[in-house]
Amino acid sequence: GTFGIIKYDRRYKRIVRRGLDSVRVEIFLVSIGHNLYKIYNKQMRLREVA
């Protein structure tokens, strides 16, 4: 799943921030990065096929 990909493939092991709001922001940013990576890879695959 997504958590396993972020944790093992991206080497994201630990939340660095302290406090609930900071943790939410950190997880939000990691999630955005993961989604951007997926979009980029999908576009590259579509370009290779075309």
N, C-alpha and C. Protein backbone atom coordinates (compact mmCIF):
# COMPACT_ATOMS: atom_id res chain seq x y z
N GLY A 1 0.80 -1.18 0.00
CA GLY A 1 0.00 0.00 0.00
C GLY A 1 0.85 1.26 0.00
N THR A 2 0.19 2.35 0.05
CA THR A 2 0.84 3.65 -0.02
C THR A 2 1.79 3.87 1.16
N PHE A 3 1.38 3.50 2.35
CA PHE A 3 2.23 3.70 3.52
C PHE A 3 3.53 2.92 3.39
N GLY A 4 3.44 1.69 2.89
CA GLY A 4 4.64 0.87 2.70
C GLY A 4 5.58 1.47 1.67
N ILE A 5 5.03 2.02 0.60
CA ILE A 5 5.85 2.66 -0.42
C ILE A 5 6.57 3.87 0.16
N ILE A 6 5.84 4.69 0.88
CA ILE A 6 6.45 5.89 1.48
C ILE A 6 7.49 5.47 2.52
N LYS A 7 7.19 4.47 3.31
CA LYS A 7 8.08 4.09 4.40
C LYS A 7 9.35 3.41 3.91
N TYR A 8 9.22 2.45 3.00
CA TYR A 8 10.37 1.66 2.62
C TYR A 8 11.03 2.15 1.34
N ASP A 9 10.27 2.42 0.30
CA ASP A 9 10.85 2.83 -0.96
C ASP A 9 11.40 4.25 -0.91
N ARG A 10 10.75 5.13 -0.18
CA ARG A 10 11.19 6.52 -0.09
C ARG A 10 12.06 6.77 1.13
N ARG A 11 12.29 5.74 1.94
CA ARG A 11 13.12 5.82 3.15
C ARG A 11 12.63 6.87 4.14
N TYR A 12 11.32 6.98 4.29
CA TYR A 12 10.72 7.90 5.26
C TYR A 12 10.33 7.08 6.48
N LYS A 13 11.16 7.10 7.50
CA LYS A 13 10.97 6.21 8.64
C LYS A 13 10.33 6.88 9.86
N ARG A 14 10.55 8.18 10.00
CA ARG A 14 10.16 8.80 11.26
C ARG A 14 9.62 10.21 11.03
N ILE A 15 8.62 10.57 11.81
CA ILE A 15 8.10 11.94 11.78
C ILE A 15 9.04 12.79 12.64
N VAL A 16 9.54 13.86 12.06
CA VAL A 16 10.55 14.67 12.72
C VAL A 16 9.93 15.75 13.59
N ARG A 17 8.78 16.25 13.21
CA ARG A 17 8.15 17.38 13.90
C ARG A 17 7.50 16.96 15.21
N ARG A 18 7.29 17.94 16.04
CA ARG A 18 6.59 17.72 17.31
C ARG A 18 5.35 18.60 17.33
N GLY A 19 4.30 18.08 17.90
CA GLY A 19 3.03 18.81 17.96
C GLY A 19 2.11 18.32 16.86
N LEU A 20 0.85 18.27 17.18
CA LEU A 20 -0.14 17.70 16.27
C LEU A 20 -0.23 18.46 14.95
N ASP A 21 -0.24 19.79 15.00
CA ASP A 21 -0.34 20.57 13.77
C ASP A 21 0.88 20.37 12.89
N SER A 22 2.06 20.35 13.48
CA SER A 22 3.29 20.15 12.70
C SER A 22 3.34 18.76 12.08
N VAL A 23 2.89 17.77 12.82
CA VAL A 23 2.85 16.40 12.29
C VAL A 23 1.89 16.32 11.11
N ARG A 24 0.75 16.96 11.23
CA ARG A 24 -0.22 16.96 10.12
C ARG A 24 0.37 17.60 8.87
N VAL A 25 1.08 18.72 9.05
CA VAL A 25 1.69 19.40 7.91
C VAL A 25 2.76 18.51 7.28
N GLU A 26 3.57 17.86 8.11
CA GLU A 26 4.62 16.99 7.58
C GLU A 26 4.03 15.82 6.79
N ILE A 27 3.02 15.17 7.32
CA ILE A 27 2.39 14.06 6.61
C ILE A 27 1.72 14.56 5.34
N PHE A 28 1.12 15.74 5.39
CA PHE A 28 0.51 16.35 4.22
C PHE A 28 1.54 16.57 3.13
N LEU A 29 2.70 17.11 3.48
CA LEU A 29 3.75 17.37 2.49
C LEU A 29 4.31 16.07 1.91
N VAL A 30 4.49 15.07 2.75
CA VAL A 30 4.97 13.77 2.25
C VAL A 30 3.95 13.17 1.29
N SER A 31 2.67 13.31 1.62
CA SER A 31 1.61 12.78 0.75
C SER A 31 1.57 13.51 -0.58
N ILE A 32 1.72 14.83 -0.55
CA ILE A 32 1.75 15.60 -1.79
C ILE A 32 2.93 15.14 -2.66
N GLY A 33 4.09 14.98 -2.04
CA GLY A 33 5.26 14.51 -2.78
C GLY A 33 5.03 13.16 -3.42
N HIS A 34 4.39 12.26 -2.70
CA HIS A 34 4.08 10.93 -3.22
C HIS A 34 3.13 11.02 -4.42
N ASN A 35 2.10 11.85 -4.29
CA ASN A 35 1.13 11.99 -5.38
C ASN A 35 1.75 12.65 -6.61
N LEU A 36 2.62 13.65 -6.42
CA LEU A 36 3.30 14.27 -7.54
C LEU A 36 4.21 13.27 -8.26
N TYR A 37 4.87 12.43 -7.49
CA TYR A 37 5.73 11.40 -8.06
C TYR A 37 4.91 10.42 -8.92
N LYS A 38 3.74 10.05 -8.43
CA LYS A 38 2.86 9.15 -9.19
C LYS A 38 2.39 9.80 -10.48
N ILE A 39 2.01 11.07 -10.42
CA ILE A 39 1.55 11.79 -11.61
C ILE A 39 2.68 11.88 -12.63
N TYR A 40 3.88 12.23 -12.18
CA TYR A 40 5.03 12.34 -13.07
C TYR A 40 5.32 11.01 -13.76
N ASN A 41 5.34 9.93 -13.00
CA ASN A 41 5.60 8.61 -13.59
C ASN A 41 4.53 8.21 -14.59
N LYS A 42 3.29 8.52 -14.30
CA LYS A 42 2.21 8.20 -15.23
C LYS A 42 2.38 8.96 -16.54
N GLN A 43 2.73 10.25 -16.45
CA GLN A 43 2.94 11.04 -17.66
C GLN A 43 4.12 10.51 -18.47
N MET A 44 5.18 10.09 -17.80
CA MET A 44 6.35 9.54 -18.51
C MET A 44 5.99 8.23 -19.21
N ARG A 45 5.20 7.39 -18.56
CA ARG A 45 4.77 6.13 -19.20
C ARG A 45 3.93 6.39 -20.42
N LEU A 46 3.03 7.39 -20.34
CA LEU A 46 2.17 7.71 -21.48
C LEU A 46 2.99 8.29 -22.64
N ARG A 47 4.03 9.04 -22.35
CA ARG A 47 4.89 9.58 -23.41
C ARG A 47 5.68 8.49 -24.11
N GLU A 48 6.10 7.47 -23.35
CA GLU A 48 6.84 6.36 -23.94
C GLU A 48 5.97 5.55 -24.88
N VAL A 49 4.72 5.38 -24.54
CA VAL A 49 3.79 4.59 -25.36
C VAL A 49 3.47 5.34 -26.65
N ALA A 50 3.29 6.65 -26.57
CA ALA A 50 2.90 7.46 -27.73
C ALA A 50 4.01 7.67 -28.71
